[in-house]
Amino acid sequence: FASLPRVVLESPDVTCVKKNHPYRVSIRVL
């Protein structure tokens, strides 16, 4: 939305998150 200065992306619920493990996130703006 043009009027909003920020974008917040919250994923669906996840399971099996492990401490100190990097997980990849890819974002595309169209």
All heavy atoms as atom14 arrays in JSON, in Angstrom:
{
  "sequence": "FASLPRVVLESPDVTCVKKNHPYRVSIRVL",
  "atom14_mask": [
    [1, 1, 1, 1, 1, 1, 1, 1, 1, 1, 1, 0, 0, 0],
    [1, 1, 1, 1, 1, 0, 0, 0, 0, 0, 0, 0, 0, 0],
    [1, 1, 1, 1, 1, 1, 0, 0, 0, 0, 0, 0, 0, 0],
    [1, 1, 1, 1, 1, 1, 1, 1, 0, 0, 0, 0, 0, 0],
    [1, 1, 1, 1, 1, 1, 1, 0, 0, 0, 0, 0, 0, 0],
    [1, 1, 1, 1, 1, 1, 1, 1, 1, 1, 1, 0, 0, 0],
    [1, 1, 1, 1, 1, 1, 1, 0, 0, 0, 0, 0, 0, 0],
    [1, 1, 1, 1, 1, 1, 1, 0, 0, 0, 0, 0, 0, 0],
    [1, 1, 1, 1, 1, 1, 1, 1, 0, 0, 0, 0, 0, 0],
    [1, 1, 1, 1, 1, 1, 1, 1, 1, 0, 0, 0, 0, 0],
    [1, 1, 1, 1, 1, 1, 0, 0, 0, 0, 0, 0, 0, 0],
    [1, 1, 1, 1, 1, 1, 1, 0, 0, 0, 0, 0, 0, 0],
    [1, 1, 1, 1, 1, 1, 1, 1, 0, 0, 0, 0, 0, 0],
    [1, 1, 1, 1, 1, 1, 1, 0, 0, 0, 0, 0, 0, 0],
    [1, 1, 1, 1, 1, 1, 1, 0, 0, 0, 0, 0, 0, 0],
    [1, 1, 1, 1, 1, 1, 0, 0, 0, 0, 0, 0, 0, 0],
    [1, 1, 1, 1, 1, 1, 1, 0, 0, 0, 0, 0, 0, 0],
    [1, 1, 1, 1, 1, 1, 1, 1, 1, 0, 0, 0, 0, 0],
    [1, 1, 1, 1, 1, 1, 1, 1, 1, 0, 0, 0, 0, 0],
    [1, 1, 1, 1, 1, 1, 1, 1, 0, 0, 0, 0, 0, 0],
    [1, 1, 1, 1, 1, 1, 1, 1, 1, 1, 0, 0, 0, 0],
    [1, 1, 1, 1, 1, 1, 1, 0, 0, 0, 0, 0, 0, 0],
    [1, 1, 1, 1, 1, 1, 1, 1, 1, 1, 1, 1, 0, 0],
    [1, 1, 1, 1, 1, 1, 1, 1, 1, 1, 1, 0, 0, 0],
    [1, 1, 1, 1, 1, 1, 1, 0, 0, 0, 0, 0, 0, 0],
    [1, 1, 1, 1, 1, 1, 0, 0, 0, 0, 0, 0, 0, 0],
    [1, 1, 1, 1, 1, 1, 1, 1, 0, 0, 0, 0, 0, 0],
    [1, 1, 1, 1, 1, 1, 1, 1, 1, 1, 1, 0, 0, 0],
    [1, 1, 1, 1, 1, 1, 1, 0, 0, 0, 0, 0, 0, 0],
    [1, 1, 1, 1, 1, 1, 1, 1, 0, 0, 0, 0, 0, 0]
  ],
  "atom14_positions": [
    [[0.84, -1.19, 0.0], [0.0, 0.0, 0.0], [0.88, 1.24, 0.0], [1.81, 1.35, 0.79], [-0.93, 0.0, 1.22], [-1.92, -1.13, 1.2], [-1.65, -2.31, 1.9], [-3.1, -1.03, 0.48], [-2.55, -3.36, 1.88], [-4.0, -2.08, 0.46], [-3.73, -3.25, 1.15], [0.0, 0.0, 0.0], [0.0, 0.0, 0.0], [0.0, 0.0, 0.0]],
    [[0.55, 2.19, -0.87], [1.36, 3.41, -1.02], [1.44, 4.21, 0.27], [2.46, 4.84, 0.55], [0.78, 4.27, -2.14], [0.0, 0.0, 0.0], [0.0, 0.0, 0.0], [0.0, 0.0, 0.0], [0.0, 0.0, 0.0], [0.0, 0.0, 0.0], [0.0, 0.0, 0.0], [0.0, 0.0, 0.0], [0.0, 0.0, 0.0], [0.0, 0.0, 0.0]],
    [[0.4, 4.18, 1.09], [0.37, 5.01, 2.3], [1.15, 4.41, 3.47], [1.4, 5.09, 4.45], [-1.08, 5.23, 2.73], [-1.68, 4.0, 3.04], [0.0, 0.0, 0.0], [0.0, 0.0, 0.0], [0.0, 0.0, 0.0], [0.0, 0.0, 0.0], [0.0, 0.0, 0.0], [0.0, 0.0, 0.0], [0.0, 0.0, 0.0], [0.0, 0.0, 0.0]],
    [[1.55, 3.14, 3.36], [2.26, 2.49, 4.48], [3.76, 2.49, 4.22], [4.21, 1.94, 3.21], [1.75, 1.07, 4.68], [0.28, 0.94, 5.05], [-0.12, -0.52, 5.18], [-0.02, 1.68, 6.35], [0.0, 0.0, 0.0], [0.0, 0.0, 0.0], [0.0, 0.0, 0.0], [0.0, 0.0, 0.0], [0.0, 0.0, 0.0], [0.0, 0.0, 0.0]],
    [[4.55, 3.05, 5.13], [6.0, 3.14, 4.92], [6.74, 1.84, 5.2], [7.88, 1.68, 4.79], [6.45, 4.23, 5.9], [5.44, 4.17, 7.0], [4.14, 3.76, 6.35], [0.0, 0.0, 0.0], [0.0, 0.0, 0.0], [0.0, 0.0, 0.0], [0.0, 0.0, 0.0], [0.0, 0.0, 0.0], [0.0, 0.0, 0.0], [0.0, 0.0, 0.0]],
    [[6.1, 0.9, 5.9], [6.75, -0.36, 6.26], [5.95, -1.55, 5.78], [4.73, -1.48, 5.65], [6.93, -0.45, 7.77], [8.0, 0.49, 8.28], [8.12, 0.48, 9.79], [8.88, 1.64, 10.23], [8.4, 2.86, 10.38], [7.14, 3.1, 10.13], [9.18, 3.85, 10.76], [0.0, 0.0, 0.0], [0.0, 0.0, 0.0], [0.0, 0.0, 0.0]],
    [[6.65, -2.66, 5.6], [6.04, -3.91, 5.21], [6.44, -4.95, 6.25], [7.63, -5.09, 6.55], [6.52, -4.36, 3.81], [5.9, -5.67, 3.41], [6.24, -3.28, 2.77], [0.0, 0.0, 0.0], [0.0, 0.0, 0.0], [0.0, 0.0, 0.0], [0.0, 0.0, 0.0], [0.0, 0.0, 0.0], [0.0, 0.0, 0.0], [0.0, 0.0, 0.0]],
    [[5.46, -5.65, 6.81], [5.73, -6.7, 7.79], [5.29, -8.02, 7.19], [4.14, -8.17, 6.77], [4.98, -6.43, 9.11], [5.22, -7.56, 10.1], [5.4, -5.09, 9.7], [0.0, 0.0, 0.0], [0.0, 0.0, 0.0], [0.0, 0.0, 0.0], [0.0, 0.0, 0.0], [0.0, 0.0, 0.0], [0.0, 0.0, 0.0], [0.0, 0.0, 0.0]],
    [[6.22, -8.97, 7.15], [5.94, -10.3, 6.6], [6.04, -11.31, 7.73], [7.1, -11.48, 8.33], [6.94, -10.65, 5.5], [7.05, -9.67, 4.34], [8.18, -10.07, 3.41], [5.73, -9.59, 3.58], [0.0, 0.0, 0.0], [0.0, 0.0, 0.0], [0.0, 0.0, 0.0], [0.0, 0.0, 0.0], [0.0, 0.0, 0.0], [0.0, 0.0, 0.0]],
    [[4.93, -11.98, 8.05], [4.93, -13.04, 9.05], [4.55, -14.34, 8.36], [3.51, -14.43, 7.71], [3.95, -12.73, 10.19], [4.07, -13.73, 11.31], [3.27, -13.35, 12.55], [2.49, -12.38, 12.51], [3.43, -14.03, 13.57], [0.0, 0.0, 0.0], [0.0, 0.0, 0.0], [0.0, 0.0, 0.0], [0.0, 0.0, 0.0], [0.0, 0.0, 0.0]],
    [[5.42, -15.32, 8.48], [5.21, -16.6, 7.81], [4.06, -17.38, 8.43], [3.62, -17.07, 9.55], [6.48, -17.45, 7.92], [6.61, -17.97, 9.25], [0.0, 0.0, 0.0], [0.0, 0.0, 0.0], [0.0, 0.0, 0.0], [0.0, 0.0, 0.0], [0.0, 0.0, 0.0], [0.0, 0.0, 0.0], [0.0, 0.0, 0.0], [0.0, 0.0, 0.0]],
    [[3.6, -18.4, 7.72], [2.71, -19.36, 8.38], [3.49, -20.0, 9.55], [4.71, -19.92, 9.61], [2.43, -20.39, 7.28], [2.73, -19.69, 5.99], [3.81, -18.71, 6.3], [0.0, 0.0, 0.0], [0.0, 0.0, 0.0], [0.0, 0.0, 0.0], [0.0, 0.0, 0.0], [0.0, 0.0, 0.0], [0.0, 0.0, 0.0], [0.0, 0.0, 0.0]],
    [[2.77, -20.67, 10.45], [3.42, -21.33, 11.59], [4.47, -22.33, 11.11], [4.28, -23.0, 10.09], [2.39, -22.08, 12.44], [1.4, -21.15, 13.11], [1.54, -19.91, 12.97], [0.48, -21.66, 13.78], [0.0, 0.0, 0.0], [0.0, 0.0, 0.0], [0.0, 0.0, 0.0], [0.0, 0.0, 0.0], [0.0, 0.0, 0.0], [0.0, 0.0, 0.0]],
    [[5.58, -22.4, 11.87], [6.66, -23.33, 11.54], [6.91, -24.26, 12.72], [6.58, -23.95, 13.87], [7.97, -22.58, 11.18], [7.81, -21.81, 9.88], [8.45, -21.68, 12.3], [0.0, 0.0, 0.0], [0.0, 0.0, 0.0], [0.0, 0.0, 0.0], [0.0, 0.0, 0.0], [0.0, 0.0, 0.0], [0.0, 0.0, 0.0], [0.0, 0.0, 0.0]],
    [[7.49, -25.41, 12.42], [7.9, -26.36, 13.45], [9.34, -26.75, 13.19], [9.88, -26.51, 12.11], [7.02, -27.64, 13.44], [7.11, -28.25, 12.16], [5.56, -27.33, 13.75], [0.0, 0.0, 0.0], [0.0, 0.0, 0.0], [0.0, 0.0, 0.0], [0.0, 0.0, 0.0], [0.0, 0.0, 0.0], [0.0, 0.0, 0.0], [0.0, 0.0, 0.0]],
    [[9.97, -27.35, 14.18], [11.33, -27.89, 14.08], [12.43, -26.83, 13.99], [13.51, -27.09, 13.48], [11.45, -28.87, 12.91], [10.32, -30.27, 13.01], [0.0, 0.0, 0.0], [0.0, 0.0, 0.0], [0.0, 0.0, 0.0], [0.0, 0.0, 0.0], [0.0, 0.0, 0.0], [0.0, 0.0, 0.0], [0.0, 0.0, 0.0], [0.0, 0.0, 0.0]],
    [[12.19, -25.62, 14.5], [13.21, -24.57, 14.49], [14.34, -24.99, 15.43], [14.1, -25.38, 16.57], [12.62, -23.22, 14.95], [13.71, -22.15, 15.05], [11.52, -22.78, 14.0], [0.0, 0.0, 0.0], [0.0, 0.0, 0.0], [0.0, 0.0, 0.0], [0.0, 0.0, 0.0], [0.0, 0.0, 0.0], [0.0, 0.0, 0.0], [0.0, 0.0, 0.0]],
    [[15.56, -24.94, 14.92], [16.74, -25.31, 15.71], [17.59, -24.08, 16.0], [17.8, -23.24, 15.14], [17.59, -26.36, 14.97], [16.88, -27.67, 14.75], [16.64, -28.37, 16.06], [15.88, -29.66, 15.88], [15.22, -30.1, 17.07], [0.0, 0.0, 0.0], [0.0, 0.0, 0.0], [0.0, 0.0, 0.0], [0.0, 0.0, 0.0], [0.0, 0.0, 0.0]],
    [[18.1, -24.02, 17.2], [18.98, -22.94, 17.66], [20.25, -22.88, 16.8], [20.81, -23.91, 16.43], [19.35, -23.2, 19.12], [20.28, -22.2, 19.72], [20.56, -22.57, 21.17], [21.49, -21.57, 21.81], [21.7, -21.87, 23.23], [0.0, 0.0, 0.0], [0.0, 0.0, 0.0], [0.0, 0.0, 0.0], [0.0, 0.0, 0.0], [0.0, 0.0, 0.0]],
    [[20.65, -21.66, 16.45], [21.88, -21.36, 15.7], [21.93, -21.93, 14.28], [23.0, -22.0, 13.69], [23.12, -21.83, 16.49], [23.26, -21.1, 17.79], [22.9, -19.92, 17.91], [23.77, -21.78, 18.8], [0.0, 0.0, 0.0], [0.0, 0.0, 0.0], [0.0, 0.0, 0.0], [0.0, 0.0, 0.0], [0.0, 0.0, 0.0], [0.0, 0.0, 0.0]],
    [[20.81, -22.34, 13.74], [20.76, -22.83, 12.36], [20.21, -21.71, 11.48], [19.11, -21.22, 11.72], [19.86, -24.05, 12.29], [19.76, -24.66, 10.91], [19.85, -23.95, 9.75], [19.58, -25.94, 10.52], [19.71, -24.74, 8.71], [19.54, -25.96, 9.15], [0.0, 0.0, 0.0], [0.0, 0.0, 0.0], [0.0, 0.0, 0.0], [0.0, 0.0, 0.0]],
    [[20.96, -21.29, 10.44], [20.43, -20.24, 9.55], [19.39, -20.81, 8.57], [19.64, -21.82, 7.92], [21.68, -19.75, 8.8], [22.65, -20.89, 8.88], [22.32, -21.68, 10.11], [0.0, 0.0, 0.0], [0.0, 0.0, 0.0], [0.0, 0.0, 0.0], [0.0, 0.0, 0.0], [0.0, 0.0, 0.0], [0.0, 0.0, 0.0], [0.0, 0.0, 0.0]],
    [[18.24, -20.15, 8.49], [17.16, -20.54, 7.58], [17.01, -19.46, 6.51], [16.99, -18.28, 6.81], [15.85, -20.73, 8.35], [15.9, -21.87, 9.33], [16.15, -21.64, 10.67], [15.72, -23.18, 8.91], [16.2, -22.69, 11.59], [15.78, -24.24, 9.81], [16.02, -23.98, 11.15], [16.08, -25.02, 12.04], [0.0, 0.0, 0.0], [0.0, 0.0, 0.0]],
    [[16.86, -19.89, 5.26], [16.82, -18.99, 4.11], [15.44, -18.36, 3.93], [14.41, -19.01, 4.08], [17.18, -19.78, 2.85], [17.36, -18.96, 1.6], [17.72, -19.81, 0.4], [16.62, -20.68, -0.01], [15.55, -20.29, -0.67], [15.39, -19.02, -0.99], [14.61, -21.14, -1.01], [0.0, 0.0, 0.0], [0.0, 0.0, 0.0], [0.0, 0.0, 0.0]],
    [[15.47, -17.06, 3.56], [14.25, -16.32, 3.22], [14.52, -15.59, 1.9], [15.53, -14.89, 1.77], [13.86, -15.3, 4.31], [12.63, -14.5, 3.89], [13.63, -15.98, 5.64], [0.0, 0.0, 0.0], [0.0, 0.0, 0.0], [0.0, 0.0, 0.0], [0.0, 0.0, 0.0], [0.0, 0.0, 0.0], [0.0, 0.0, 0.0], [0.0, 0.0, 0.0]],
    [[13.65, -15.77, 0.92], [13.74, -15.07, -0.36], [12.53, -14.17, -0.52], [11.4, -14.6, -0.28], [13.74, -16.07, -1.53], [14.86, -16.91, -1.44], [0.0, 0.0, 0.0], [0.0, 0.0, 0.0], [0.0, 0.0, 0.0], [0.0, 0.0, 0.0], [0.0, 0.0, 0.0], [0.0, 0.0, 0.0], [0.0, 0.0, 0.0], [0.0, 0.0, 0.0]],
    [[12.79, -12.93, -0.93], [11.72, -11.95, -1.07], [11.8, -11.34, -2.46], [12.89, -10.95, -2.9], [11.84, -10.85, 0.01], [11.76, -11.47, 1.39], [10.77, -9.78, -0.19], [12.15, -10.56, 2.52], [0.0, 0.0, 0.0], [0.0, 0.0, 0.0], [0.0, 0.0, 0.0], [0.0, 0.0, 0.0], [0.0, 0.0, 0.0], [0.0, 0.0, 0.0]],
    [[10.67, -11.26, -3.13], [10.6, -10.6, -4.44], [9.53, -9.52, -4.41], [8.44, -9.74, -3.88], [10.27, -11.61, -5.54], [11.35, -12.62, -5.76], [11.06, -13.58, -6.88], [9.68, -13.55, -7.3], [9.21, -14.16, -8.37], [9.97, -14.85, -9.13], [7.94, -14.08, -8.69], [0.0, 0.0, 0.0], [0.0, 0.0, 0.0], [0.0, 0.0, 0.0]],
    [[9.87, -8.38, -4.98], [8.91, -7.28, -5.11], [8.5, -7.23, -6.58], [9.36, -7.17, -7.46], [9.55, -5.93, -4.68], [8.52, -4.81, -4.81], [10.09, -6.02, -3.27], [0.0, 0.0, 0.0], [0.0, 0.0, 0.0], [0.0, 0.0, 0.0], [0.0, 0.0, 0.0], [0.0, 0.0, 0.0], [0.0, 0.0, 0.0], [0.0, 0.0, 0.0]],
    [[7.2, -7.28, -6.82], [6.67, -7.29, -8.18], [5.77, -6.08, -8.41], [4.95, -5.75, -7.56], [5.87, -8.57, -8.44], [6.61, -9.89, -8.19], [5.67, -11.05, -8.31], [7.78, -10.04, -9.14], [0.0, 0.0, 0.0], [0.0, 0.0, 0.0], [0.0, 0.0, 0.0], [0.0, 0.0, 0.0], [0.0, 0.0, 0.0], [0.0, 0.0, 0.0]]
  ]
}
